Amino acid sequence: MKKKYNPPFIEKTDVGMTNKFGFASVVDYQDNIEGVPVEEIVAKYDSPVMIFSETAIRNKYREMKTALQKYYPNSEISWSYKTNYLQAISSILHQEGAKPEVVSIMEYDMAKGLGQSGSDIIFNGPSKRKADLEQAVTDGASIHIDHLDELVLLESVAEQLGITPRVAIRVNMDIGVYPQWQRFGFNYENGEAMRTLQRIVTGGKLQIVGIHTHIGTFLLEASAYYFSAKALLELAMQLKDKFGIVVEYIDLGGGFASKNTLHNQYTPGEFASPNPEQYFAAIGRAFNEAQFTREENPKLIMETGRILVSEAGYCVSSVIGKKDLPTGQKAVILDAGVNMLITAWWYNLNIKPAQPLSGTSRNTIFYGPLCMNIDAR
């Protein structure tokens, strides 16, 4: 097919110094997504519309898996359902080999509806109800216990059903990342995690198969995962030495940063965020140093989310109008609000027009149709 002729044009560059990375302010545009014109997408699906690249998602998963198994072969990636509920995205990642990690019965049912076996599901989260636990126990899911009340409730469900559930405990710890995630799970430093494991052993109703942590989100320091892995592996060794129980897996959660740039972040995300190799090199170092690894070769599980899909998504919105604000700032009214792109509150999103523009560029505020002053970026 003969390609459409696009005449040459001049893009305006703002006068002024470039930053340390050599970037100048250039009015750029993007009129297609992977060869499909944005105009055709809007004509077919209307506006606003969210678009995800299947190719980008598959490529990112394969990049992650290759890097992970390079540093520790006995490993796998689970897909964090809370990151994105779209069934198409979850299906793509399951096709690639990712197992489901869920934090609610809604997500649990979604995974089952997509053909995932209950025995492959990791059930996390602090708010599991009795009926939720009954379903998970019956299906043979791995249940990650968040607090003592949940432990007691799970023991009663196990006794009622006559089944020994497969469980892990979630552990929180201080590894130098602040704010510290301490609301979920049992603390490592004060011995609460070890006491909880002992409580499970003496209860005799649950089977300990794993130890889990999730130290934060959008973590820019890869070495934090070295220290969290080291702590869990030491805890697993203590469990083995004291009670003769060998866990099947160590689950390090997720929290990897995408290439997006946070607000007020000086260095662009593409430079500041570690790549998968850096994250997994730190984790692999901890595993390959550990006595527990040498003796038992536990499975390593990563529960990845944003890093798999964040860079694969687009939000296409139409301009409804424009105005000058009393402050003198230029404002553009869009048909998409922050309810469609909630990450606008954290990320300095890359906003591009879908066609070339002429004239002078100005700093501009974009706001949506929600009739709330917070619906702006």
Protein backbone atom coordinates (compact mmCIF):
# COMPACT_ATOMS: atom_id res chain seq x y z
CA MET A 1 0.00 0.00 0.00
CA LYS A 2 1.32 3.42 -0.93
CA LYS A 3 2.12 5.47 2.15
CA LYS A 4 0.31 8.76 2.64
CA TYR A 5 2.51 11.76 1.81
CA ASN A 6 3.19 14.04 4.77
CA PRO A 7 4.68 17.39 3.74
CA PRO A 8 7.71 18.64 5.68
CA PHE A 9 7.14 21.14 8.46
CA ILE A 10 9.17 23.12 10.97
CA GLU A 11 8.85 22.42 14.68
CA LYS A 12 9.39 25.39 16.94
CA THR A 13 12.06 25.14 19.65
CA ASP A 14 11.68 27.49 22.62
CA VAL A 15 14.55 29.88 23.17
CA GLY A 16 16.55 29.07 26.28
CA MET A 17 19.14 26.77 27.73
CA THR A 18 18.80 23.02 27.51
CA ASN A 19 18.91 20.97 30.68
CA LYS A 20 21.73 18.62 31.67
CA PHE A 21 20.34 15.93 29.35
CA GLY A 22 20.46 18.20 26.33
CA PHE A 23 16.70 18.51 25.94
CA ALA A 24 15.03 21.65 24.64
CA SER A 25 11.29 22.38 24.65
CA VAL A 26 10.02 21.14 21.30
CA VAL A 27 6.37 20.96 20.28
CA ASP A 28 6.19 17.32 19.26
CA TYR A 29 3.13 15.41 18.07
CA GLN A 30 1.98 11.82 17.60
CA ASP A 31 -0.62 11.16 14.94
CA ASN A 32 -0.62 7.35 15.15
CA ILE A 33 -0.24 4.48 17.60
CA GLU A 34 1.78 1.63 16.16
CA GLY A 35 0.83 2.69 12.66
CA VAL A 36 -2.89 3.17 13.32
CA PRO A 37 -3.90 6.82 12.86
CA VAL A 38 -5.31 8.44 16.00
CA GLU A 39 -8.01 10.01 13.82
CA GLU A 40 -9.23 6.55 12.78
CA ILE A 41 -9.24 5.33 16.39
CA VAL A 42 -11.40 8.24 17.53
CA ALA A 43 -13.72 7.87 14.53
CA LYS A 44 -14.31 4.22 15.43
CA TYR A 45 -14.35 4.32 19.26
CA ASP A 46 -15.16 7.99 20.01
CA SER A 47 -13.31 10.02 22.62
CA PRO A 48 -12.03 9.72 25.28
CA VAL A 49 -10.56 6.25 24.76
CA MET A 50 -7.89 4.19 26.51
CA ILE A 51 -5.56 2.15 24.27
CA PHE A 52 -3.03 -0.50 25.25
CA SER A 53 -0.40 -2.10 23.06
CA GLU A 54 -0.48 -5.90 23.18
CA THR A 55 2.97 -6.00 21.59
CA ALA A 56 4.44 -3.71 24.24
CA ILE A 57 2.92 -5.75 27.08
CA ARG A 58 4.20 -9.06 25.71
CA ASN A 59 7.66 -7.64 25.03
CA LYS A 60 7.92 -6.16 28.53
CA TYR A 61 6.87 -9.43 30.18
CA ARG A 62 9.45 -11.38 28.17
CA GLU A 63 12.14 -8.83 29.02
CA MET A 64 11.26 -9.15 32.72
CA LYS A 65 11.17 -12.94 32.69
CA THR A 66 14.49 -13.22 30.85
CA ALA A 67 16.20 -10.83 33.28
CA LEU A 68 14.71 -12.56 36.35
CA GLN A 69 15.73 -16.08 35.32
CA LYS A 70 19.18 -14.89 34.33
CA TYR A 71 19.93 -14.11 37.98
CA TYR A 72 17.81 -16.82 39.64
CA PRO A 73 16.41 -19.58 37.40
CA ASN A 74 13.89 -21.03 39.88
CA SER A 75 11.59 -18.04 39.59
CA GLU A 76 8.29 -16.88 38.15
CA ILE A 77 6.26 -13.71 37.64
CA SER A 78 2.71 -13.26 38.90
CA TRP A 79 0.40 -10.57 37.49
CA SER A 80 -0.91 -8.07 40.03
CA TYR A 81 -4.61 -7.79 39.17
CA LYS A 82 -5.11 -4.56 41.12
CA THR A 83 -2.83 -2.78 38.65
CA ASN A 84 -5.33 -3.12 35.81
CA TYR A 85 -8.66 -4.96 35.77
CA LEU A 86 -9.05 -5.21 31.99
CA GLN A 87 -9.63 -8.84 31.10
CA ALA A 88 -7.79 -8.50 27.81
CA ILE A 89 -4.61 -7.38 29.58
CA SER A 90 -4.86 -10.12 32.20
CA SER A 91 -5.46 -12.71 29.47
CA ILE A 92 -2.37 -11.57 27.55
CA LEU A 93 -0.18 -11.92 30.62
CA HIS A 94 -1.64 -15.32 31.48
CA GLN A 95 -0.89 -16.44 27.93
CA GLU A 96 2.70 -15.38 28.52
CA GLY A 97 2.85 -17.51 31.67
CA ALA A 98 2.07 -15.09 34.51
CA LYS A 99 -0.06 -16.49 37.33
CA PRO A 100 -2.68 -14.35 39.10
CA GLU A 101 -2.05 -12.40 42.29
CA VAL A 102 -5.25 -10.91 43.75
CA VAL A 103 -6.27 -8.81 46.76
CA SER A 104 -10.07 -9.20 46.70
CA ILE A 105 -12.73 -11.78 45.93
CA MET A 106 -13.70 -9.69 42.89
CA GLU A 107 -10.21 -10.15 41.45
CA TYR A 108 -10.21 -13.80 42.55
CA ASP A 109 -13.42 -14.44 40.60
CA MET A 110 -12.01 -12.60 37.58
CA ALA A 111 -8.97 -14.87 37.55
CA LYS A 112 -11.15 -17.97 37.81
CA GLY A 113 -13.35 -16.59 35.02
CA LEU A 114 -10.27 -16.31 32.80
CA GLY A 115 -9.59 -20.01 33.25
CA GLN A 116 -6.97 -19.76 35.99
CA SER A 117 -6.80 -22.62 38.46
CA GLY A 118 -7.44 -21.79 42.09
CA SER A 119 -4.23 -23.60 43.01
CA ASP A 120 -2.27 -21.08 40.90
CA ILE A 121 -3.78 -18.02 42.61
CA ILE A 122 -1.98 -16.02 45.29
CA PHE A 123 -4.61 -14.41 47.52
CA ASN A 124 -3.19 -11.31 49.22
CA GLY A 125 -4.82 -8.37 50.99
CA PRO A 126 -5.94 -7.46 54.52
CA SER A 127 -9.74 -7.71 54.06
CA LYS A 128 -10.59 -11.31 53.26
CA ARG A 129 -14.03 -12.32 54.58
CA LYS A 130 -15.01 -15.77 55.78
CA ALA A 131 -16.76 -16.64 52.51
CA ASP A 132 -13.69 -15.48 50.58
CA LEU A 133 -11.43 -17.71 52.64
CA GLU A 134 -13.79 -20.67 52.26
CA GLN A 135 -13.59 -20.32 48.47
CA ALA A 136 -9.81 -19.98 48.46
CA VAL A 137 -9.29 -22.91 50.83
CA THR A 138 -11.59 -25.14 48.79
CA ASP A 139 -9.73 -24.22 45.58
CA GLY A 140 -6.29 -24.81 47.09
CA ALA A 141 -5.12 -21.22 46.60
CA SER A 142 -2.06 -19.86 48.41
CA ILE A 143 -3.43 -17.53 51.09
CA HIS A 144 -1.12 -14.81 52.38
CA ILE A 145 -2.07 -13.94 55.96
CA ASP A 146 -1.99 -10.22 56.77
CA HIS A 147 -2.97 -10.03 60.45
CA LEU A 148 -3.70 -12.16 63.50
CA ASP A 149 -7.50 -11.93 63.26
CA GLU A 150 -7.30 -13.31 59.72
CA LEU A 151 -5.11 -16.16 60.98
CA VAL A 152 -7.69 -17.13 63.62
CA LEU A 153 -10.55 -16.89 61.11
CA LEU A 154 -8.64 -19.02 58.60
CA GLU A 155 -8.02 -21.69 61.25
CA SER A 156 -11.74 -21.87 61.94
CA VAL A 157 -12.47 -22.20 58.20
CA ALA A 158 -9.87 -24.96 57.92
CA GLU A 159 -11.43 -26.85 60.82
CA GLN A 160 -14.92 -26.39 59.40
CA LEU A 161 -13.95 -27.66 55.93
CA GLY A 162 -11.56 -30.35 57.08
CA ILE A 163 -8.84 -28.95 54.77
CA THR A 164 -5.32 -27.81 55.60
CA PRO A 165 -4.87 -24.48 53.75
CA ARG A 166 -1.61 -23.51 52.05
CA VAL A 167 -0.50 -20.24 53.62
CA ALA A 168 2.25 -17.65 53.71
CA ILE A 169 2.59 -14.65 55.98
CA ARG A 170 3.19 -11.13 54.81
CA VAL A 171 6.16 -9.43 56.45
CA ASN A 172 6.90 -5.71 56.75
CA MET A 173 10.38 -4.38 57.49
CA ASP A 174 12.62 -1.35 57.61
CA ILE A 175 15.10 -1.57 54.74
CA GLY A 176 15.80 2.14 54.45
CA VAL A 177 12.94 3.07 52.13
CA TYR A 178 10.64 5.79 53.47
CA PRO A 179 7.80 6.10 54.09
CA GLN A 180 8.04 2.56 55.41
CA TRP A 181 5.15 0.26 54.45
CA GLN A 182 4.21 -1.01 57.90
CA ARG A 183 0.41 -1.26 57.74
CA PHE A 184 0.40 -4.67 56.10
CA GLY A 185 1.68 -7.92 57.52
CA PHE A 186 3.85 -8.76 60.52
CA ASN A 187 6.99 -6.85 61.49
CA TYR A 188 10.40 -8.39 60.95
CA GLU A 189 12.56 -6.27 63.28
CA ASN A 190 10.54 -6.70 66.48
CA GLY A 191 10.15 -10.47 66.02
CA GLU A 192 6.42 -10.37 65.27
CA ALA A 193 6.88 -12.27 61.99
CA MET A 194 8.76 -15.13 63.66
CA ARG A 195 6.24 -15.28 66.52
CA THR A 196 3.42 -15.51 63.98
CA LEU A 197 5.10 -18.39 62.19
CA GLN A 198 5.49 -20.14 65.54
CA ARG A 199 1.82 -19.47 66.29
CA ILE A 200 0.83 -21.12 62.98
CA VAL A 201 3.03 -24.13 63.72
CA THR A 202 1.60 -24.64 67.21
CA GLY A 203 -1.96 -24.18 65.90
CA GLY A 204 -1.47 -27.21 63.66
CA LYS A 205 -4.25 -26.32 61.22
CA LEU A 206 -2.33 -24.52 58.44
CA GLN A 207 0.55 -25.48 56.13
CA ILE A 208 3.25 -22.82 55.79
CA VAL A 209 4.43 -22.81 52.17
CA GLY A 210 5.85 -19.32 51.71
CA ILE A 211 6.98 -15.98 53.11
CA HIS A 212 5.96 -12.73 51.44
CA THR A 213 6.79 -9.04 51.55
CA HIS A 214 5.95 -5.93 49.54
CA ILE A 215 8.20 -3.07 50.60
CA GLY A 216 6.64 -0.20 48.66
CA THR A 217 5.73 1.20 45.28
CA PHE A 218 7.66 2.96 42.51
CA LEU A 219 10.93 2.15 44.25
CA LEU A 220 13.90 3.84 42.61
CA GLU A 221 16.56 2.07 44.67
CA ALA A 222 17.22 -1.47 43.41
CA SER A 223 19.34 -2.33 46.46
CA ALA A 224 16.21 -2.19 48.64
CA TYR A 225 15.21 -5.53 47.14
CA TYR A 226 18.55 -7.03 48.13
CA PHE A 227 17.87 -6.25 51.79
CA SER A 228 14.24 -7.41 51.71
CA ALA A 229 15.20 -10.69 50.02
CA LYS A 230 18.04 -11.20 52.50
CA ALA A 231 15.63 -10.71 55.45
CA LEU A 232 13.04 -13.18 54.14
CA LEU A 233 15.69 -15.80 53.36
CA GLU A 234 17.06 -15.47 56.89
CA LEU A 235 13.54 -15.81 58.27
CA ALA A 236 13.02 -18.95 56.18
CA MET A 237 16.28 -20.37 57.56
CA GLN A 238 15.15 -19.69 61.13
CA LEU A 239 11.85 -21.43 60.44
CA LYS A 240 13.71 -24.47 59.15
CA ASP A 241 16.17 -24.56 62.06
CA LYS A 242 13.52 -24.14 64.78
CA PHE A 243 10.65 -26.22 63.41
CA GLY A 244 11.99 -28.25 60.49
CA ILE A 245 9.60 -26.50 58.11
CA VAL A 246 10.92 -25.66 54.63
CA VAL A 247 8.95 -23.06 52.68
CA GLU A 248 8.40 -23.65 48.98
CA TYR A 249 8.72 -20.02 47.90
CA ILE A 250 9.86 -16.52 48.77
CA ASP A 251 7.55 -13.83 47.39
CA LEU A 252 9.13 -10.36 47.09
CA GLY A 253 6.00 -8.58 45.84
CA GLY A 254 6.39 -5.79 43.30
CA GLY A 255 6.81 -2.01 43.38
CA PHE A 256 9.22 -1.65 40.45
CA ALA A 257 9.28 1.83 38.93
CA SER A 258 8.21 2.38 35.34
CA LYS A 259 9.91 4.92 33.09
CA ASN A 260 7.37 7.59 33.96
CA THR A 261 8.63 10.76 35.63
CA LEU A 262 7.20 11.70 39.01
CA HIS A 263 6.05 15.26 39.67
CA ASN A 264 8.87 17.42 41.05
CA GLN A 265 11.39 14.75 39.99
CA TYR A 266 14.45 16.46 38.54
CA THR A 267 15.80 13.51 36.58
CA PRO A 268 13.51 12.10 33.85
CA GLY A 269 12.14 8.64 34.61
CA GLU A 270 13.92 7.04 31.68
CA PHE A 271 17.19 7.88 33.46
CA ALA A 272 16.13 7.67 37.12
CA SER A 273 14.25 4.35 37.11
CA PRO A 274 16.33 1.17 37.36
CA ASN A 275 15.88 -1.31 34.53
CA PRO A 276 14.76 -4.90 35.19
CA GLU A 277 18.37 -6.10 35.07
CA GLN A 278 19.29 -3.83 37.98
CA TYR A 279 16.35 -4.93 40.13
CA PHE A 280 16.91 -8.62 39.49
CA ALA A 281 20.69 -8.43 39.88
CA ALA A 282 20.15 -7.12 43.42
CA ILE A 283 17.61 -9.85 44.18
CA GLY A 284 19.74 -12.57 42.62
CA ARG A 285 22.70 -11.49 44.71
CA ALA A 286 20.72 -11.98 47.93
CA PHE A 287 19.42 -15.37 46.84
CA ASN A 288 22.76 -16.67 45.66
CA GLU A 289 24.46 -15.61 48.90
CA ALA A 290 21.90 -17.23 51.19
CA GLN A 291 22.41 -20.49 53.06
CA PHE A 292 18.71 -21.31 52.67
CA THR A 293 19.05 -21.09 48.88
CA ARG A 294 22.06 -23.40 48.84
CA GLU A 295 20.22 -25.98 50.92
CA GLU A 296 16.64 -25.75 49.61
CA ASN A 297 16.55 -23.79 46.29
CA PRO A 298 13.21 -22.06 47.02
CA LYS A 299 11.09 -20.64 44.23
CA LEU A 300 11.28 -16.85 43.86
CA ILE A 301 7.98 -15.14 43.03
CA MET A 302 7.66 -11.53 41.85
CA GLU A 303 4.23 -9.85 41.79
CA THR A 304 4.74 -7.25 39.08
CA GLY A 305 2.19 -4.69 37.98
CA ARG A 306 2.82 -1.17 36.72
CA ILE A 307 6.17 -1.95 35.07
CA LEU A 308 4.40 -4.43 32.75
CA VAL A 309 1.67 -2.10 31.50
CA SER A 310 2.45 1.52 32.36
CA GLU A 311 4.48 2.20 29.24
CA ALA A 312 2.04 0.31 26.99
CA GLY A 313 -0.95 2.60 27.55
CA TYR A 314 -2.33 5.71 25.86
CA CYS A 315 -5.26 7.97 26.70
CA VAL A 316 -6.70 9.78 23.66
CA SER A 317 -8.82 12.82 24.49
CA SER A 318 -10.43 15.55 22.42
CA VAL A 319 -10.19 19.29 23.03
CA ILE A 320 -13.60 20.77 23.86
CA GLY A 321 -12.47 24.34 24.28
CA LYS A 322 -9.79 26.68 25.58
CA LYS A 323 -9.56 29.75 27.75
CA ASP A 324 -7.20 32.15 29.50
CA LEU A 325 -7.31 31.89 33.29
CA PRO A 326 -7.21 34.98 35.56
CA THR A 327 -3.60 34.06 36.38
CA GLY A 328 -2.70 34.51 32.73
CA GLN A 329 -2.19 30.81 32.19
CA LYS A 330 -3.56 29.10 29.12
CA ALA A 331 -6.09 26.32 29.79
CA VAL A 332 -7.40 23.57 27.53
CA ILE A 333 -10.67 21.78 28.29
CA LEU A 334 -10.62 18.03 27.53
CA ASP A 335 -13.32 15.38 27.46
CA ALA A 336 -11.22 13.11 29.74
CA GLY A 337 -10.81 13.73 33.45
CA VAL A 338 -8.46 12.45 36.14
CA ASN A 339 -10.97 9.67 36.79
CA MET A 340 -9.71 8.10 33.54
CA LEU A 341 -6.05 8.75 34.25
CA ILE A 342 -5.64 8.88 38.02
CA THR A 343 -1.86 8.50 37.69
CA ALA A 344 -1.79 12.11 36.48
CA TRP A 345 -1.61 12.97 40.19
CA TRP A 346 1.79 11.27 40.48
CA TYR A 347 3.31 11.29 37.01
CA ASN A 348 4.43 14.14 34.82
CA LEU A 349 2.67 12.60 31.84
CA ASN A 350 3.94 13.06 28.32
CA ILE A 351 1.13 14.96 26.57
CA LYS A 352 1.31 15.34 22.81
CA PRO A 353 -1.07 16.77 20.20
CA ALA A 354 -2.25 14.32 17.54
CA GLN A 355 -1.37 16.71 14.72
CA PRO A 356 1.35 19.30 14.03
CA LEU A 357 0.75 22.73 15.53
CA SER A 358 1.98 26.14 14.49
CA GLY A 359 2.48 29.22 16.58
CA THR A 360 4.14 29.88 19.91
CA SER A 361 4.10 27.23 22.64
CA ARG A 362 3.05 28.14 26.19
CA ASN A 363 2.78 26.33 29.48
CA THR A 364 -0.78 25.03 29.55
CA ILE A 365 -3.14 23.56 32.13
CA PHE A 366 -5.31 20.66 30.96
CA TYR A 367 -8.56 19.99 32.76
CA GLY A 368 -11.47 17.64 32.25
CA PRO A 369 -15.26 17.51 32.56
CA LEU A 370 -15.67 16.54 36.24
CA CYS A 371 -16.62 20.04 37.46
CA MET A 372 -14.08 19.80 40.29
CA ASN A 373 -11.06 22.02 40.69
CA ILE A 374 -8.86 18.96 41.24
CA ASP A 375 -9.65 17.69 37.73
CA ALA A 376 -6.62 19.39 36.20
CA ARG A 377 -2.98 18.89 35.34
